[in-house]
Amino acid sequence: MGLFSTDCEYCGGSGADETCNGCGLAVHYDCAREKGHLQVKQESGGLLSSGTTYYRWNCPNCGRVKEGQA
């Protein structure tokens, strides 16, 4: 997979969920989680909220770490 590709590096499927800002590697969240490169933390919500999901993704190609909310 090259730079600017939207195909998942793991499964080859289109429509990747995350792309590394360093090397351009693209992945689906589920594929990255299965390979152990994505950690997810779910915070409990209040009475009217389901909570927030945070993620941390370690790019297996260049080692860059990306964090965000899903």
PDB file of N, CA and C in Angstrom:
ATOM      1  N   MET A   1       0.832  -1.169   0.000  1.00  0.00           N
ATOM      2  CA  MET A   1       0.000   0.000   0.000  1.00  0.00           C
ATOM      3  C   MET A   1       0.877   1.233   0.000  1.00  0.00           C
ATOM      4  N   GLY A   2       0.533   2.195  -0.759  1.00  0.00           N
ATOM      5  CA  GLY A   2       1.354   3.383  -0.845  1.00  0.00           C
ATOM      6  C   GLY A   2       0.793   4.537  -0.067  1.00  0.00           C
ATOM      7  N   LEU A   3       1.531   5.614  -0.103  1.00  0.00           N
ATOM      8  CA  LEU A   3       1.101   6.856   0.512  1.00  0.00           C
ATOM      9  C   LEU A   3      -0.209   7.291  -0.121  1.00  0.00           C
ATOM     10  N   PHE A   4      -1.136   7.790   0.675  1.00  0.00           N
ATOM     11  CA  PHE A   4      -2.454   8.273   0.247  1.00  0.00           C
ATOM     12  C   PHE A   4      -3.418   7.144  -0.107  1.00  0.00           C
ATOM     13  N   SER A   5      -3.099   5.912   0.197  1.00  0.00           N
ATOM     14  CA  SER A   5      -4.000   4.797  -0.063  1.00  0.00           C
ATOM     15  C   SER A   5      -5.063   4.762   1.023  1.00  0.00           C
ATOM     16  N   THR A   6      -6.293   4.399   0.655  1.00  0.00           N
ATOM     17  CA  THR A   6      -7.354   4.243   1.652  1.00  0.00           C
ATOM     18  C   THR A   6      -7.689   2.776   1.857  1.00  0.00           C
ATOM     19  N   ASP A   7      -6.835   1.885   1.383  1.00  0.00           N
ATOM     20  CA  ASP A   7      -7.023   0.454   1.585  1.00  0.00           C
ATOM     21  C   ASP A   7      -6.323   0.032   2.870  1.00  0.00           C
ATOM     22  N   CYS A   8      -6.987  -0.817   3.647  1.00  0.00           N
ATOM     23  CA  CYS A   8      -6.434  -1.298   4.905  1.00  0.00           C
ATOM     24  C   CYS A   8      -5.189  -2.146   4.647  1.00  0.00           C
ATOM     25  N   GLU A   9      -4.134  -1.846   5.363  1.00  0.00           N
ATOM     26  CA  GLU A   9      -2.870  -2.583   5.234  1.00  0.00           C
ATOM     27  C   GLU A   9      -3.029  -4.048   5.631  1.00  0.00           C
ATOM     28  N   TYR A  10      -3.915  -4.347   6.557  1.00  0.00           N
ATOM     29  CA  TYR A  10      -4.064  -5.704   7.066  1.00  0.00           C
ATOM     30  C   TYR A  10      -4.931  -6.588   6.188  1.00  0.00           C
ATOM     31  N   CYS A  11      -6.116  -6.087   5.813  1.00  0.00           N
ATOM     32  CA  CYS A  11      -7.061  -6.936   5.080  1.00  0.00           C
ATOM     33  C   CYS A  11      -7.190  -6.575   3.604  1.00  0.00           C
ATOM     34  N   GLY A  12      -6.698  -5.404   3.211  1.00  0.00           N
ATOM     35  CA  GLY A  12      -6.790  -4.971   1.820  1.00  0.00           C
ATOM     36  C   GLY A  12      -8.121  -4.347   1.452  1.00  0.00           C
ATOM     37  N   GLY A  13      -9.055  -4.312   2.402  1.00  0.00           N
ATOM     38  CA  GLY A  13     -10.364  -3.715   2.145  1.00  0.00           C
ATOM     39  C   GLY A  13     -10.296  -2.203   2.067  1.00  0.00           C
ATOM     40  N   SER A  14     -11.233  -1.628   1.346  1.00  0.00           N
ATOM     41  CA  SER A  14     -11.233  -0.170   1.173  1.00  0.00           C
ATOM     42  C   SER A  14     -11.884   0.528   2.361  1.00  0.00           C
ATOM     43  N   GLY A  15     -11.737   1.838   2.411  1.00  0.00           N
ATOM     44  CA  GLY A  15     -12.372   2.649   3.434  1.00  0.00           C
ATOM     45  C   GLY A  15     -11.730   2.546   4.796  1.00  0.00           C
ATOM     46  N   ALA A  16     -10.422   2.719   4.873  1.00  0.00           N
ATOM     47  CA  ALA A  16      -9.708   2.634   6.146  1.00  0.00           C
ATOM     48  C   ALA A  16     -10.223   3.680   7.126  1.00  0.00           C
ATOM     49  N   ASP A  17     -10.210   3.335   8.411  1.00  0.00           N
ATOM     50  CA  ASP A  17     -10.685   4.226   9.463  1.00  0.00           C
ATOM     51  C   ASP A  17      -9.610   5.186   9.951  1.00  0.00           C
ATOM     52  N   GLU A  18      -8.365   4.792   9.859  1.00  0.00           N
ATOM     53  CA  GLU A  18      -7.265   5.584  10.392  1.00  0.00           C
ATOM     54  C   GLU A  18      -6.078   5.535   9.445  1.00  0.00           C
ATOM     55  N   THR A  19      -5.398   6.660   9.309  1.00  0.00           N
ATOM     56  CA  THR A  19      -4.205   6.751   8.476  1.00  0.00           C
ATOM     57  C   THR A  19      -3.098   7.416   9.271  1.00  0.00           C
ATOM     58  N   CYS A  20      -1.915   6.857   9.230  1.00  0.00           N
ATOM     59  CA  CYS A  20      -0.767   7.410   9.946  1.00  0.00           C
ATOM     60  C   CYS A  20      -0.334   8.720   9.313  1.00  0.00           C
ATOM     61  N   ASN A  21      -0.117   9.726  10.147  1.00  0.00           N
ATOM     62  CA  ASN A  21       0.358  11.019   9.653  1.00  0.00           C
ATOM     63  C   ASN A  21       1.818  10.976   9.243  1.00  0.00           C
ATOM     64  N   GLY A  22       2.554   9.978   9.721  1.00  0.00           N
ATOM     65  CA  GLY A  22       3.971   9.889   9.418  1.00  0.00           C
ATOM     66  C   GLY A  22       4.280   9.189   8.107  1.00  0.00           C
ATOM     67  N   CYS A  23       3.700   7.996   7.916  1.00  0.00           N
ATOM     68  CA  CYS A  23       4.076   7.197   6.753  1.00  0.00           C
ATOM     69  C   CYS A  23       2.917   6.913   5.796  1.00  0.00           C
ATOM     70  N   GLY A  24       1.685   7.251   6.193  1.00  0.00           N
ATOM     71  CA  GLY A  24       0.543   7.058   5.307  1.00  0.00           C
ATOM     72  C   GLY A  24      -0.109   5.691   5.384  1.00  0.00           C
ATOM     73  N   LEU A  25       0.355   4.805   6.273  1.00  0.00           N
ATOM     74  CA  LEU A  25      -0.232   3.485   6.425  1.00  0.00           C
ATOM     75  C   LEU A  25      -1.693   3.637   6.857  1.00  0.00           C
ATOM     76  N   ALA A  26      -2.592   2.903   6.219  1.00  0.00           N
ATOM     77  CA  ALA A  26      -4.024   2.993   6.503  1.00  0.00           C
ATOM     78  C   ALA A  26      -4.537   1.656   7.039  1.00  0.00           C
ATOM     79  N   VAL A  27      -5.444   1.732   8.026  1.00  0.00           N
ATOM     80  CA  VAL A  27      -5.990   0.519   8.644  1.00  0.00           C
ATOM     81  C   VAL A  27      -7.450   0.715   9.037  1.00  0.00           C
ATOM     82  N   HIS A  28      -8.164  -0.390   9.167  1.00  0.00           N
ATOM     83  CA  HIS A  28      -9.473  -0.399   9.810  1.00  0.00           C
ATOM     84  C   HIS A  28      -9.234  -0.538  11.313  1.00  0.00           C
ATOM     85  N   TYR A  29     -10.088   0.069  12.136  1.00  0.00           N
ATOM     86  CA  TYR A  29      -9.947  -0.057  13.592  1.00  0.00           C
ATOM     87  C   TYR A  29      -9.979  -1.523  14.030  1.00  0.00           C
ATOM     88  N   ASP A  30     -10.935  -2.292  13.504  1.00  0.00           N
ATOM     89  CA  ASP A  30     -11.062  -3.694  13.915  1.00  0.00           C
ATOM     90  C   ASP A  30      -9.823  -4.508  13.554  1.00  0.00           C
ATOM     91  N   CYS A  31      -9.273  -4.268  12.386  1.00  0.00           N
ATOM     92  CA  CYS A  31      -8.061  -4.999  11.965  1.00  0.00           C
ATOM     93  C   CYS A  31      -6.872  -4.641  12.847  1.00  0.00           C
ATOM     94  N   ALA A  32      -6.707  -3.350  13.147  1.00  0.00           N
ATOM     95  CA  ALA A  32      -5.603  -2.910  14.006  1.00  0.00           C
ATOM     96  C   ALA A  32      -5.755  -3.469  15.412  1.00  0.00           C
ATOM     97  N   ARG A  33      -6.991  -3.538  15.927  1.00  0.00           N
ATOM     98  CA  ARG A  33      -7.238  -4.092  17.258  1.00  0.00           C
ATOM     99  C   ARG A  33      -6.885  -5.572  17.285  1.00  0.00           C
ATOM    100  N   GLU A  34      -7.263  -6.306  16.253  1.00  0.00           N
ATOM    101  CA  GLU A  34      -6.949  -7.745  16.185  1.00  0.00           C
ATOM    102  C   GLU A  34      -5.444  -8.000  16.169  1.00  0.00           C
ATOM    103  N   LYS A  35      -4.679  -7.101  15.543  1.00  0.00           N
ATOM    104  CA  LYS A  35      -3.218  -7.249  15.469  1.00  0.00           C
ATOM    105  C   LYS A  35      -2.512  -6.719  16.714  1.00  0.00           C
ATOM    106  N   GLY A  36      -3.263  -6.078  17.624  1.00  0.00           N
ATOM    107  CA  GLY A  36      -2.666  -5.563  18.854  1.00  0.00           C
ATOM    108  C   GLY A  36      -2.057  -4.185  18.729  1.00  0.00           C
ATOM    109  N   HIS A  37      -2.392  -3.450  17.676  1.00  0.00           N
ATOM    110  CA  HIS A  37      -1.831  -2.117  17.469  1.00  0.00           C
ATOM    111  C   HIS A  37      -2.783  -0.997  17.866  1.00  0.00           C
ATOM    112  N   LEU A  38      -3.987  -1.339  18.323  1.00  0.00           N
ATOM    113  CA  LEU A  38      -4.979  -0.340  18.702  1.00  0.00           C
ATOM    114  C   LEU A  38      -5.526  -0.680  20.077  1.00  0.00           C
ATOM    115  N   GLN A  39      -5.456   0.278  20.984  1.00  0.00           N
ATOM    116  CA  GLN A  39      -6.034   0.120  22.310  1.00  0.00           C
ATOM    117  C   GLN A  39      -7.248   1.038  22.397  1.00  0.00           C
ATOM    118  N   VAL A  40      -8.320   0.541  23.019  1.00  0.00           N
ATOM    119  CA  VAL A  40      -9.555   1.306  23.142  1.00  0.00           C
ATOM    120  C   VAL A  40      -9.939   1.389  24.606  1.00  0.00           C
ATOM    121  N   LYS A  41     -10.378   2.585  25.019  1.00  0.00           N
ATOM    122  CA  LYS A  41     -10.836   2.795  26.391  1.00  0.00           C
ATOM    123  C   LYS A  41     -12.223   3.420  26.326  1.00  0.00           C
ATOM    124  N   GLN A  42     -13.188   2.780  26.966  1.00  0.00           N
ATOM    125  CA  GLN A  42     -14.563   3.277  27.001  1.00  0.00           C
ATOM    126  C   GLN A  42     -14.822   3.874  28.379  1.00  0.00           C
ATOM    127  N   GLU A  43     -15.164   5.171  28.421  1.00  0.00           N
ATOM    128  CA  GLU A  43     -15.531   5.799  29.682  1.00  0.00           C
ATOM    129  C   GLU A  43     -17.036   5.725  29.837  1.00  0.00           C
ATOM    130  N   SER A  44     -17.468   5.479  31.043  1.00  0.00           N
ATOM    131  CA  SER A  44     -18.906   5.393  31.283  1.00  0.00           C
ATOM    132  C   SER A  44     -19.519   6.785  31.202  1.00  0.00           C
ATOM    133  N   GLY A  45     -20.731   6.825  30.715  1.00  0.00           N
ATOM    134  CA  GLY A  45     -21.435   8.087  30.555  1.00  0.00           C
ATOM    135  C   GLY A  45     -22.358   8.367  31.716  1.00  0.00           C
ATOM    136  N   GLY A  46     -23.011   9.489  31.618  1.00  0.00           N
ATOM    137  CA  GLY A  46     -23.973   9.866  32.642  1.00  0.00           C
ATOM    138  C   GLY A  46     -25.353   9.351  32.299  1.00  0.00           C
ATOM    139  N   LEU A  47     -26.327   9.958  32.868  1.00  0.00           N
ATOM    140  CA  LEU A  47     -27.709   9.544  32.686  1.00  0.00           C
ATOM    141  C   LEU A  47     -28.165   9.694  31.238  1.00  0.00           C
ATOM    142  N   LEU A  48     -27.711  10.738  30.552  1.00  0.00           N
ATOM    143  CA  LEU A  48     -28.147  11.008  29.182  1.00  0.00           C
ATOM    144  C   LEU A  48     -27.074  10.730  28.143  1.00  0.00           C
ATOM    145  N   SER A  49     -25.966  10.173  28.558  1.00  0.00           N
ATOM    146  CA  SER A  49     -24.848   9.953  27.646  1.00  0.00           C
ATOM    147  C   SER A  49     -24.367   8.516  27.721  1.00  0.00           C
ATOM    148  N   SER A  50     -23.919   8.001  26.587  1.00  0.00           N
ATOM    149  CA  SER A  50     -23.393   6.631  26.571  1.00  0.00           C
ATOM    150  C   SER A  50     -21.900   6.590  26.885  1.00  0.00           C
ATOM    151  N   GLY A  51     -21.282   7.736  27.069  1.00  0.00           N
ATOM    152  CA  GLY A  51     -19.859   7.769  27.387  1.00  0.00           C
ATOM    153  C   GLY A  51     -19.022   8.068  26.159  1.00  0.00           C
ATOM    154  N   THR A  52     -17.742   8.146  26.360  1.00  0.00           N
ATOM    155  CA  THR A  52     -16.806   8.483  25.296  1.00  0.00           C
ATOM    156  C   THR A  52     -15.841   7.331  25.078  1.00  0.00           C
ATOM    157  N   THR A  53     -15.531   7.062  23.828  1.00  0.00           N
ATOM    158  CA  THR A  53     -14.559   6.028  23.484  1.00  0.00           C
ATOM    159  C   THR A  53     -13.282   6.710  23.001  1.00  0.00           C
ATOM    160  N   TYR A  54     -12.180   6.406  23.658  1.00  0.00           N
ATOM    161  CA  TYR A  54     -10.876   6.931  23.278  1.00  0.00           C
ATOM    162  C   TYR A  54     -10.051   5.799  22.681  1.00  0.00           C
ATOM    163  N   TYR A  55      -9.156   6.149  21.765  1.00  0.00           N
ATOM    164  CA  TYR A  55      -8.290   5.126  21.197  1.00  0.00           C
ATOM    165  C   TYR A  55      -6.853   5.621  21.127  1.00  0.00           C
ATOM    166  N   ARG A  56      -5.950   4.667  21.076  1.00  0.00           N
ATOM    167  CA  ARG A  56      -4.520   4.936  20.905  1.00  0.00           C
ATOM    168  C   ARG A  56      -4.027   3.922  19.886  1.00  0.00           C
ATOM    169  N   TRP A  57      -3.484   4.429  18.797  1.00  0.00           N
ATOM    170  CA  TRP A  57      -3.036   3.561  17.718  1.00  0.00           C
ATOM    171  C   TRP A  57      -1.534   3.714  17.536  1.00  0.00           C
ATOM    172  N   ASN A  58      -0.809   2.592  17.555  1.00  0.00           N
ATOM    173  CA  ASN A  58       0.632   2.572  17.320  1.00  0.00           C
ATOM    174  C   ASN A  58       0.864   2.071  15.905  1.00  0.00           C
ATOM    175  N   CYS A  59       1.373   2.926  15.029  1.00  0.00           N
ATOM    176  CA  CYS A  59       1.630   2.532  13.653  1.00  0.00           C
ATOM    177  C   CYS A  59       2.734   1.475  13.623  1.00  0.00           C
ATOM    178  N   PRO A  60       2.453   0.302  13.072  1.00  0.00           N
ATOM    179  CA  PRO A  60       3.461  -0.750  13.035  1.00  0.00           C
ATOM    180  C   PRO A  60       4.564  -0.493  12.008  1.00  0.00           C
ATOM    181  N   ASN A  61       4.338   0.461  11.118  1.00  0.00           N
ATOM    182  CA  ASN A  61       5.306   0.755  10.067  1.00  0.00           C
ATOM    183  C   ASN A  61       6.385   1.736  10.528  1.00  0.00           C
ATOM    184  N   CYS A  62       5.971   2.847  11.156  1.00  0.00           N
ATOM    185  CA  CYS A  62       6.949   3.862  11.548  1.00  0.00           C
ATOM    186  C   CYS A  62       6.992   4.119  13.051  1.00  0.00           C
ATOM    187  N   GLY A  63       6.047   3.526  13.819  1.00  0.00           N
ATOM    188  CA  GLY A  63       6.060   3.672  15.271  1.00  0.00           C
ATOM    189  C   GLY A  63       5.368   4.905  15.817  1.00  0.00           C
ATOM    190  N   ARG A  64       4.836   5.744  14.948  1.00  0.00           N
ATOM    191  CA  ARG A  64       4.147   6.949  15.400  1.00  0.00           C
ATOM    192  C   ARG A  64       2.885   6.563  16.169  1.00  0.00           C
ATOM    193  N   VAL A  65       2.572   7.320  17.215  1.00  0.00           N
ATOM    194  CA  VAL A  65       1.395   7.063  18.037  1.00  0.00           C
ATOM    195  C   VAL A  65       0.357   8.142  17.749  1.00  0.00           C
ATOM    196  N   LYS A  66      -0.880   7.705  17.581  1.00  0.00           N
ATOM    197  CA  LYS A  66      -1.976   8.638  17.340  1.00  0.00           C
ATOM    198  C   LYS A  66      -3.086   8.348  18.337  1.00  0.00           C
ATOM    199  N   GLU A  67      -3.609   9.385  18.947  1.00  0.00           N
ATOM    200  CA  GLU A  67      -4.687   9.240  19.918  1.00  0.00           C
ATOM    201  C   GLU A  67      -5.870  10.073  19.480  1.00  0.00           C
ATOM    202  N   GLY A  68      -7.066   9.642  19.877  1.00  0.00           N
ATOM    203  CA  GLY A  68      -8.249  10.402  19.514  1.00  0.00           C
ATOM    204  C   GLY A  68      -9.503   9.805  20.116  1.00  0.00           C
ATOM    205  N   GLN A  69     -10.625  10.342  19.707  1.00  0.00           N
ATOM    206  CA  GLN A  69     -11.930   9.866  20.136  1.00  0.00           C
ATOM    207  C   GLN A  69     -12.611   9.201  18.962  1.00  0.00           C
ATOM    208  N   ALA A  70     -13.254   8.099  19.232  1.00  0.00           N
ATOM    209  CA  ALA A  70     -13.986   7.390  18.185  1.00  0.00           C
ATOM    210  C   ALA A  70     -15.468   7.639  18.326  1.00  0.00           C
TER     211      ALA A  70
END
